[in-house]
C-alpha atoms as a PDB file:
ATOM      1  CA  MET A   1    -165.212 101.961  33.666  1.00  0.00           C
ATOM      2  CA  MET A   2    -168.240 100.768  31.709  1.00  0.00           C
ATOM      3  CA  PHE A   3    -169.790 102.196  28.519  1.00  0.00           C
ATOM      4  CA  TYR A   4    -173.313 101.668  27.250  1.00  0.00           C
ATOM      5  CA  SER A   5    -174.503 102.407  23.720  1.00  0.00           C
ATOM      6  CA  ARG A   6    -178.073 102.825  22.537  1.00  0.00           C
ATOM      7  CA  GLU A   7    -178.986 101.914  19.007  1.00  0.00           C
ATOM      8  CA  THR A   8    -182.364 102.578  17.290  1.00  0.00           C
ATOM      9  CA  GLY A   9    -183.702 100.260  14.652  1.00  0.00           C
ATOM     10  CA  LYS A  10    -186.982  99.505  12.877  1.00  0.00           C
ATOM     11  CA  ASN A  11    -187.923  97.130  15.661  1.00  0.00           C
ATOM     12  CA  GLY A  12    -187.487  99.745  18.360  1.00  0.00           C
ATOM     13  CA  PRO A  13    -184.733 100.774  20.714  1.00  0.00           C
ATOM     14  CA  ARG A  14    -182.183  98.023  21.623  1.00  0.00           C
ATOM     15  CA  THR A  15    -179.490  98.108  24.370  1.00  0.00           C
ATOM     16  CA  THR A  16    -176.304  96.048  23.829  1.00  0.00           C
ATOM     17  CA  ASN A  17    -174.086  95.151  26.801  1.00  0.00           C
ATOM     18  CA  ARG A  18    -170.502  94.734  25.760  1.00  0.00           C
ATOM     19  CA  LEU A  19    -169.041  94.018  29.159  1.00  0.00           C
ATOM     20  CA  ILE A  20    -166.548  91.400  28.042  1.00  0.00           C
ATOM     21  CA  GLY A  21    -164.811  93.541  25.456  1.00  0.00           C
ATOM     22  CA  LEU A  22    -164.889  96.643  27.630  1.00  0.00           C
ATOM     23  CA  ALA A  23    -163.498  94.728  30.605  1.00  0.00           C
ATOM     24  CA  LYS A  24    -160.558  93.569  28.533  1.00  0.00           C
ATOM     25  CA  TRP A  25    -160.016  97.102  27.279  1.00  0.00           C
ATOM     26  CA  ASP A  26    -160.175  98.431  30.862  1.00  0.00           C
ATOM     27  CA  ARG A  27    -157.555  95.863  32.011  1.00  0.00           C
ATOM     28  CA  ARG A  28    -155.248  96.871  29.221  1.00  0.00           C
ATOM     29  CA  MET A  29    -155.625 100.518  30.089  1.00  0.00           C
ATOM     30  CA  ASP A  30    -154.998  99.815  33.747  1.00  0.00           C
ATOM     31  CA  ASN A  31    -151.920  97.842  32.881  1.00  0.00           C
ATOM     32  CA  ASN A  32    -150.660 100.636  30.682  1.00  0.00           C
ATOM     33  CA  GLU A  33    -151.308 103.192  33.385  1.00  0.00           C
ATOM     34  CA  ASP A  34    -149.546 100.984  35.953  1.00  0.00           C
ATOM     35  CA  THR A  35    -146.669 100.549  33.612  1.00  0.00           C
ATOM     36  CA  SER A  36    -146.447 104.259  33.009  1.00  0.00           C
ATOM     37  CA  ARG A  37    -146.556 104.869  36.708  1.00  0.00           C
ATOM     38  CA  ASN A  38    -144.209 101.939  37.771  1.00  0.00           C
ATOM     39  CA  TRP A  39    -141.639 101.131  35.141  1.00  0.00           C
ATOM     40  CA  GLY A  40    -140.174  98.183  37.180  1.00  0.00           C
ATOM     41  CA  ARG A  41    -143.402  96.237  37.167  1.00  0.00           C
ATOM     42  CA  ARG A  42    -143.896  93.655  34.392  1.00  0.00           C
ATOM     43  CA  PRO A  43    -147.149  93.581  32.449  1.00  0.00           C
ATOM     44  CA  ALA A  44    -149.819  90.968  33.224  1.00  0.00           C
ATOM     45  CA  THR A  45    -149.241  89.198  29.916  1.00  0.00           C
ATOM     46  CA  ASP A  46    -145.706  88.390  31.020  1.00  0.00           C
ATOM     47  CA  ASP A  47    -147.045  86.964  34.278  1.00  0.00           C
ATOM     48  CA  LEU A  48    -149.500  84.843  32.339  1.00  0.00           C
ATOM     49  CA  THR A  49    -146.720  83.652  30.081  1.00  0.00           C
ATOM     50  CA  ILE A  50    -144.508  82.716  33.024  1.00  0.00           C
ATOM     51  CA  GLU A  51    -147.400  80.967  34.744  1.00  0.00           C
ATOM     52  CA  SER A  52    -148.251  79.077  31.584  1.00  0.00           C
ATOM     53  CA  ARG A  53    -144.643  78.059  31.215  1.00  0.00           C
ATOM     54  CA  ARG A  54    -144.598  76.856  34.773  1.00  0.00           C
ATOM     55  CA  ARG A  55    -147.752  74.910  34.165  1.00  0.00           C
ATOM     56  CA  LYS A  56    -146.319  73.473  30.960  1.00  0.00           C
ATOM     57  CA  GLN A  57    -143.164  72.480  32.778  1.00  0.00           C
ATOM     58  CA  ALA A  58    -145.170  70.960  35.611  1.00  0.00           C
ATOM     59  CA  PHE A  59    -147.361  69.140  33.097  1.00  0.00           C
ATOM     60  CA  ALA A  60    -144.288  67.923  31.211  1.00  0.00           C
ATOM     61  CA  ALA A  61    -142.747  66.749  34.472  1.00  0.00           C
ATOM     62  CA  HIS A  62    -145.998  65.030  35.338  1.00  0.00           C
ATOM     63  CA  VAL A  63    -146.089  63.379  31.912  1.00  0.00           C
ATOM     64  CA  ALA A  64    -142.473  62.262  32.292  1.00  0.00           C
ATOM     65  CA  CYS A  65    -143.180  60.928  35.736  1.00  0.00           C
ATOM     66  CA  THR A  66    -146.253  59.188  34.409  1.00  0.00           C
ATOM     67  CA  ARG A  67    -144.185  57.690  31.601  1.00  0.00           C
ATOM     68  CA  ARG A  68    -141.602  56.473  34.080  1.00  0.00           C
ATOM     69  CA  GLU A  69    -144.346  55.005  36.227  1.00  0.00           C
ATOM     70  CA  ILE A  70    -145.883  53.343  33.182  1.00  0.00           C
ATOM     71  CA  TRP A  71    -142.463  51.991  32.144  1.00  0.00           C
ATOM     72  CA  ARG A  72    -141.813  50.749  35.642  1.00  0.00           C
ATOM     73  CA  SER A  73    -145.279  49.267  35.764  1.00  0.00           C
ATOM     74  CA  GLY A  74    -144.680  47.532  32.434  1.00  0.00           C
ATOM     75  CA  LYS A  75    -141.322  46.278  33.609  1.00  0.00           C
ATOM     76  CA  LEU A  76    -142.861  45.094  36.835  1.00  0.00           C
ATOM     77  CA  SER A  77    -145.645  43.498  34.822  1.00  0.00           C
ATOM     78  CA  ASN A  78    -143.037  41.613  32.773  1.00  0.00           C
ATOM     79  CA  GLU A  79    -141.212  40.580  35.922  1.00  0.00           C
ATOM     80  CA  VAL A  80    -144.499  39.531  37.491  1.00  0.00           C
ATOM     81  CA  ARG A  81    -145.354  37.556  34.341  1.00  0.00           C
ATOM     82  CA  VAL A  82    -141.953  35.831  34.409  1.00  0.00           C
ATOM     83  CA  LEU A  83    -142.332  35.096  38.102  1.00  0.00           C
ATOM     84  CA  ARG A  84    -145.835  33.723  37.529  1.00  0.00           C
ATOM     85  CA  GLU A  85    -144.585  31.461  34.754  1.00  0.00           C
ATOM     86  CA  LYS A  86    -141.746  30.302  36.977  1.00  0.00           C
ATOM     87  CA  ASN A  87    -144.197  29.768  39.823  1.00  0.00           C
ATOM     88  CA  ASP A  88    -146.450  27.733  37.529  1.00  0.00           C
ATOM     89  CA  ARG A  89    -143.501  25.570  36.488  1.00  0.00           C
ATOM     90  CA  LEU A  90    -142.509  25.095  40.124  1.00  0.00           C
ATOM     91  CA  GLU A  91    -146.079  24.180  41.050  1.00  0.00           C
ATOM     92  CA  ARG A  92    -146.234  21.600  38.259  1.00  0.00           C
ATOM     93  CA  ARG A  93    -142.870  20.208  39.341  1.00  0.00           C
ATOM     94  CA  ASN A  94    -144.074  20.136  42.935  1.00  0.00           C
ATOM     95  CA  ASP A  95    -147.180  18.215  41.848  1.00  0.00           C
ATOM     96  CA  ARG A  96    -145.027  15.667  40.026  1.00  0.00           C
ATOM     97  CA  LEU A  97    -142.762  15.347  43.055  1.00  0.00           C
ATOM     98  CA  GLU A  98    -145.771  14.853  45.319  1.00  0.00           C
ATOM     99  CA  GLU A  99    -147.088  12.105  43.030  1.00  0.00           C
ATOM    100  CA  ARG A 100    -143.658  10.463  42.997  1.00  0.00           C
ATOM    101  CA  ASN A 101    -143.451  10.809  46.771  1.00  0.00           C
ATOM    102  CA  SER A 102    -146.855   9.154  47.104  1.00  0.00           C
ATOM    103  CA  ARG A 103    -145.711   6.232  44.939  1.00  0.00           C
ATOM    104  CA  LEU A 104    -142.495   5.927  46.952  1.00  0.00           C
ATOM    105  CA  GLU A 105    -144.475   5.924  50.196  1.00  0.00           C
ATOM    106  CA  GLU A 106    -146.672   3.126  48.834  1.00  0.00           C
ATOM    107  CA  GLN A 107    -143.578   1.145  47.812  1.00  0.00           C
ATOM    108  CA  VAL A 108    -142.001   1.726  51.226  1.00  0.00           C
ATOM    109  CA  GLU A 109    -145.181   0.526  52.929  1.00  0.00           C
ATOM    110  CA  THR A 110    -145.206  -2.584  50.718  1.00  0.00           C
ATOM    111  CA  LEU A 111    -141.547  -3.238  51.546  1.00  0.00           C
ATOM    112  CA  ARG A 112    -142.305  -2.845  55.240  1.00  0.00           C
ATOM    113  CA  LEU A 113    -145.061  -5.438  54.989  1.00  0.00           C
ATOM    114  CA  GLN A 114    -142.731  -7.794  53.115  1.00  0.00           C
ATOM    115  CA  VAL A 115    -139.997  -7.256  55.703  1.00  0.00           C
ATOM    116  CA  SER A 116    -142.433  -7.968  58.537  1.00  0.00           C
ATOM    117  CA  GLN A 117    -143.555 -11.148  56.760  1.00  0.00           C
ATOM    118  CA  LEU A 118    -139.940 -12.205  56.214  1.00  0.00           C
ATOM    119  CA  MET A 119    -139.139 -11.510  59.851  1.00  0.00           C
ATOM    120  CA  SER A 120    -142.116 -13.622  60.902  1.00  0.00           C
ATOM    121  CA  GLN A 121    -141.005 -16.433  58.591  1.00  0.00           C
ATOM    122  CA  HIS A 122    -137.453 -16.084  59.897  1.00  0.00           C
ATOM    123  CA  GLY A 123    -138.741 -16.395  63.454  1.00  0.00           C
ATOM    124  CA  GLN A 124    -140.668 -19.515  62.476  1.00  0.00           C
ATOM    125  CA  MET A 125    -137.577 -20.964  60.806  1.00  0.00           C
ATOM    126  CA  VAL A 126    -135.512 -20.196  63.903  1.00  0.00           C
ATOM    127  CA  ASP A 127    -138.086 -21.947  66.076  1.00  0.00           C
ATOM    128  CA  ILE A 128    -138.089 -24.962  63.743  1.00  0.00           C
ATOM    129  CA  MET A 129    -134.277 -25.082  63.702  1.00  0.00           C
ATOM    130  CA  GLN A 130    -134.150 -24.857  67.477  1.00  0.00           C
ATOM    131  CA  GLU A 131    -136.707 -27.648  67.694  1.00  0.00           C
ATOM    132  CA  HIS A 132    -134.663 -29.762  65.279  1.00  0.00           C
ATOM    133  CA  ASP A 133    -131.510 -29.002  67.248  1.00  0.00           C
ATOM    134  CA  GLY A 134    -133.272 -30.157  70.402  1.00  0.00           C
ATOM    135  CA  ARG A 135    -134.404 -33.336  68.708  1.00  0.00           C
ATOM    136  CA  ILE A 136    -130.915 -33.938  67.316  1.00  0.00           C
ATOM    137  CA  THR A 137    -129.468 -33.473  70.797  1.00  0.00           C
ATOM    138  CA  GLU A 138    -132.061 -35.838  72.256  1.00  0.00           C
ATOM    139  CA  ASN A 139    -131.346 -38.410  69.544  1.00  0.00           C
ATOM    140  CA  ARG A 140    -127.620 -38.054  70.145  1.00  0.00           C
ATOM    141  CA  VAL A 141    -128.086 -38.607  73.865  1.00  0.00           C
ATOM    142  CA  ALA A 142    -130.392 -41.541  73.148  1.00  0.00           C
ATOM    143  CA  ASN A 143    -127.828 -43.017  70.743  1.00  0.00           C
ATOM    144  CA  GLU A 144    -125.101 -42.645  73.333  1.00  0.00           C
ATOM    145  CA  GLU A 145    -127.306 -44.288  75.950  1.00  0.00           C
ATOM    146  CA  THR A 146    -128.227 -47.059  73.512  1.00  0.00           C
ATOM    147  CA  GLN A 147    -124.570 -47.597  72.627  1.00  0.00           C
ATOM    148  CA  ALA A 148    -123.695 -47.775  76.302  1.00  0.00           C
ATOM    149  CA  MET A 149    -126.519 -50.277  76.850  1.00  0.00           C
ATOM    150  CA  VAL A 150    -125.331 -52.335  73.864  1.00  0.00           C
ATOM    151  CA  GLN A 151    -121.787 -52.330  75.184  1.00  0.00           C
ATOM    152  CA  ALA A 152    -123.022 -53.363  78.619  1.00  0.00           C
ATOM    153  CA  SER A 153    -125.169 -56.085  77.060  1.00  0.00           C
ATOM    154  CA  ASP A 154    -122.225 -57.320  75.000  1.00  0.00           C
ATOM    155  CA  ALA A 155    -120.091 -57.403  78.117  1.00  0.00           C
ATOM    156  CA  MET A 156    -122.772 -59.343  80.004  1.00  0.00           C
ATOM    157  CA  LEU A 157    -123.239 -61.735  77.079  1.00  0.00           C
ATOM    158  CA  ASN A 158    -119.513 -62.281  76.768  1.00  0.00           C
ATOM    159  CA  ALA A 159    -119.257 -62.874  80.496  1.00  0.00           C
ATOM    160  CA  TRP A 160    -122.153 -65.365  80.361  1.00  0.00           C
ATOM    161  CA  ALA A 161    -120.781 -67.210  77.301  1.00  0.00           C
ATOM    162  CA  ALA A 162    -117.189 -67.245  78.485  1.00  0.00           C
ATOM    163  CA  PRO A 163    -117.460 -70.559  80.421  1.00  0.00           C
ATOM    164  CA  PHE A 164    -118.950 -72.283  77.374  1.00  0.00           C
ATOM    165  CA  ILE A 165    -116.405 -70.968  74.937  1.00  0.00           C
ATOM    166  CA  GLU A 166    -113.333 -71.971  76.944  1.00  0.00           C
ATOM    167  CA  GLU A 167    -111.643 -75.141  75.577  1.00  0.00           C
ATOM    168  CA  PRO A 168    -111.220 -78.023  78.008  1.00  0.00           C
ATOM    169  CA  PRO A 169    -107.679 -78.892  78.947  1.00  0.00           C
ATOM    170  CA  GLN A 170    -106.098 -81.615  76.810  1.00  0.00           C
ATOM    171  CA  GLU A 171    -105.430 -84.981  78.450  1.00  0.00           C
ATOM    172  CA  ASP A 172    -101.973 -86.417  78.505  1.00  0.00           C
ATOM    173  CA  GLY A 173    -101.669 -89.051  75.803  1.00  0.00           C
ATOM    174  CA  PRO A 174     -99.851 -89.932  72.653  1.00  0.00           C
ATOM    175  CA  GLU A 175     -99.667 -87.151  70.189  1.00  0.00           C
ATOM    176  CA  PHE A 176     -99.858 -87.810  66.535  1.00  0.00           C
ATOM    177  CA  GLU A 177    -100.268 -85.905  63.361  1.00  0.00           C
ATOM    178  CA  VAL A 178    -103.009 -86.205  60.823  1.00  0.00           C
ATOM    179  CA  ASN A 179    -100.526 -86.778  58.063  1.00  0.00           C
ATOM    180  CA  ASP A 180     -99.512 -90.009  59.694  1.00  0.00           C
ATOM    181  CA  LEU A 181    -102.934 -91.422  58.860  1.00  0.00           C
ATOM    182  CA  GLY A 182    -103.429 -92.627  55.371  1.00  0.00           C
ATOM    183  CA  GLU A 183    -106.564 -93.575  53.532  1.00  0.00           C
ATOM    184  CA  LYS A 184    -106.156 -97.189  54.609  1.00  0.00           C
ATOM    185  CA  ASP A 185    -105.254 -96.508  58.230  1.00  0.00           C
ATOM    186  CA  PHE A 186    -108.831 -95.928  59.490  1.00  0.00           C
ATOM    187  CA  ASP A 187    -110.482 -98.251  62.007  1.00  0.00           C
ATOM    188  CA  GLU A 188    -110.588-101.531  60.098  1.00  0.00           C
ATOM    189  CA  ASP A 189    -110.930-104.744  61.922  1.00  0.00           C
ATOM    190  CA  PRO A 190    -109.148-107.451  59.997  1.00  0.00           C
ATOM    191  CA  ASN A 191    -111.344-110.050  61.641  1.00  0.00           C
ATOM    192  CA  GLU A 192    -114.606-108.268  60.614  1.00  0.00           C
ATOM    193  CA  ASP A 193    -116.726-109.966  57.975  1.00  0.00           C
ATOM    194  CA  PRO A 194    -117.370-107.722  54.953  1.00  0.00           C
ATOM    195  CA  GLU A 195    -120.782-109.333  54.384  1.00  0.00           C
ATOM    196  CA  GLU A 196    -121.985-107.945  57.702  1.00  0.00           C
ATOM    197  CA  ASP A 197    -121.146-104.491  56.462  1.00  0.00           C
ATOM    198  CA  ASP A 198    -123.244-105.141  53.369  1.00  0.00           C
ATOM    199  CA  ASP A 199    -126.147-106.300  55.502  1.00  0.00           C
ATOM    200  CA  ASP A 200    -125.901-103.142  57.566  1.00  0.00           C
ATOM    201  CA  GLY A 201    -125.979-101.028  54.400  1.00  0.00           C
ATOM    202  CA  ASP A 202    -129.055-102.833  53.087  1.00  0.00           C
ATOM    203  CA  ALA A 203    -130.857-102.306  56.390  1.00  0.00           C
ATOM    204  CA  ALA A 204    -130.046 -98.598  56.356  1.00  0.00           C
ATOM    205  CA  SER A 205    -131.377 -98.271  52.804  1.00  0.00           C
ATOM    206  CA  ASP A 206    -134.574-100.082  53.761  1.00  0.00           C
ATOM    207  CA  ILE A 207    -135.101 -97.704  56.677  1.00  0.00           C
ATOM    208  CA  LEU A 208    -134.564 -94.721  54.340  1.00  0.00           C
ATOM    209  CA  HIS A 209    -137.179 -96.066  51.870  1.00  0.00           C
ATOM    210  CA  VAL A 210    -139.691 -96.592  54.638  1.00  0.00           C
ATOM    211  CA  SER A 211    -139.262 -93.050  55.946  1.00  0.00           C
ATOM    212  CA  MET A 212    -139.713 -91.586  52.450  1.00  0.00           C
ATOM    213  CA  ASP A 213    -142.870 -93.652  51.864  1.00  0.00           C
ATOM    214  CA  SER A 214    -144.330 -92.452  55.141  1.00  0.00           C
ATOM    215  CA  ASP A 215    -143.771 -88.829  54.057  1.00  0.00           C
END
């Protein structure tokens, strides 16, 4: 139901449409008539109140859920931050370990080169020792051969000199001892003239002087 009112002023007739207020009034009347007709039906205001409550409850539940999500997100953010910090520490530690591993690999490579050099030197020393052992063996054999040759030469020399070294057999004759001879028992001829001996001595001295002068 709609009502129109006409008002007259100094500016002329003017028509005012009050649809909003009349519509509200019509709804109220309809609700009252429905209520008077059906006493078990609730008024529309109660429905609006229940709907608003439901919406408030849904909004409150949504807010609570949002809060929980925000709290979980914050907690997850803290956990993520802690995990990132831990990951950063592990990455730095891994970098240090990689640097240390690189240095150890360089040291191992240096040790391998030194070991190869030592093995080469050891092989050279073994070759030199084997060569010296061979020379020592050769010298030993040569010494044994030389000793055998010397022994054979000594045997030949002894065999060659044996006839000259043997003493001749002694003839049968009077045996006497040296003690039986005194200082005056040498060959002295009692009939020999001592002046002849002096002449012989002078002649020997003259010969000695002549030989010295000739030198």
